[in-house]
Protein backbone atom coordinates (compact mmCIF):
# COMPACT_ATOMS: atom_id res chain seq x y z
CA MET A 1 5.82 -23.11 -42.55
CA ALA A 2 9.29 -21.45 -42.23
CA LEU A 3 11.03 -18.50 -40.81
CA ASP A 4 11.03 -15.60 -43.28
CA GLU A 5 11.04 -11.92 -43.69
CA LEU A 6 8.27 -9.77 -45.28
CA LYS A 7 8.55 -9.46 -48.90
CA GLU A 8 6.60 -7.82 -51.64
CA GLY A 9 3.32 -9.85 -52.06
CA ASP A 10 3.26 -10.92 -48.43
CA GLU A 11 0.58 -9.99 -45.88
CA LYS A 12 1.49 -9.53 -42.18
CA VAL A 13 -0.90 -11.06 -39.67
CA GLU A 14 -0.44 -10.64 -35.98
CA VAL A 15 -2.04 -12.98 -33.52
CA GLY A 16 -1.07 -12.46 -29.87
CA GLU A 17 2.59 -12.28 -29.57
CA TYR A 18 3.03 -14.17 -32.98
CA THR A 19 3.56 -12.60 -36.38
CA PHE A 20 2.75 -14.60 -39.42
CA LEU A 21 3.57 -13.81 -42.97
CA ILE A 22 1.14 -15.13 -45.67
CA GLU A 23 1.42 -14.84 -49.42
CA ASP A 24 -1.35 -12.39 -50.78
CA TYR A 25 -2.98 -15.11 -52.98
CA LEU A 26 -3.54 -17.37 -49.93
CA ALA A 27 -4.81 -14.58 -47.76
CA GLU A 28 -7.36 -13.70 -50.81
CA ASN A 29 -8.47 -17.29 -50.92
CA PHE A 30 -8.81 -18.33 -47.35
CA SER A 31 -10.26 -16.33 -44.45
CA SER A 32 -8.42 -18.25 -41.52
CA PHE A 33 -5.83 -21.04 -41.05
CA THR A 34 -5.38 -23.58 -38.25
CA ILE A 35 -1.94 -24.49 -37.18
CA ASP A 36 -1.54 -27.95 -35.52
CA TYR A 37 1.41 -29.77 -34.10
CA SER A 38 1.77 -33.48 -33.77
CA ASN A 39 4.43 -35.54 -32.02
CA ASN A 40 3.73 -39.06 -32.26
CA TRP A 41 5.06 -42.25 -34.07
CA LEU A 42 2.95 -41.54 -37.23
CA ARG A 43 3.67 -37.88 -37.64
CA LYS A 44 5.75 -35.19 -36.14
CA GLY A 45 5.76 -31.48 -37.04
CA PHE A 46 3.54 -28.60 -37.90
CA THR A 47 0.38 -28.73 -40.35
CA VAL A 48 -1.27 -25.68 -41.65
CA ILE A 49 -4.89 -26.26 -42.55
CA PRO A 50 -6.84 -23.40 -44.43
CA ASP A 51 -10.22 -22.43 -42.96
CA GLY A 52 -10.06 -25.43 -40.66
CA ARG A 53 -10.75 -27.96 -43.46
CA VAL A 54 -9.00 -31.16 -43.50
CA SER A 55 -8.10 -33.08 -46.81
CA SER A 56 -10.26 -36.08 -47.49
CA CYS A 57 -7.21 -38.15 -48.74
């Protein structure tokens, strides 16, 4: 996840007051994403999870 500007091959998605840019191939392969933020001793930062699925690793 990063700050960026709309480029060719990006899809613009607005959720409430937030605007997200998603590369076309990701938008085609995943219908939704969950954005999670953790702030603990083990992990700090954002995680983007496609379709609400979590890796088994």
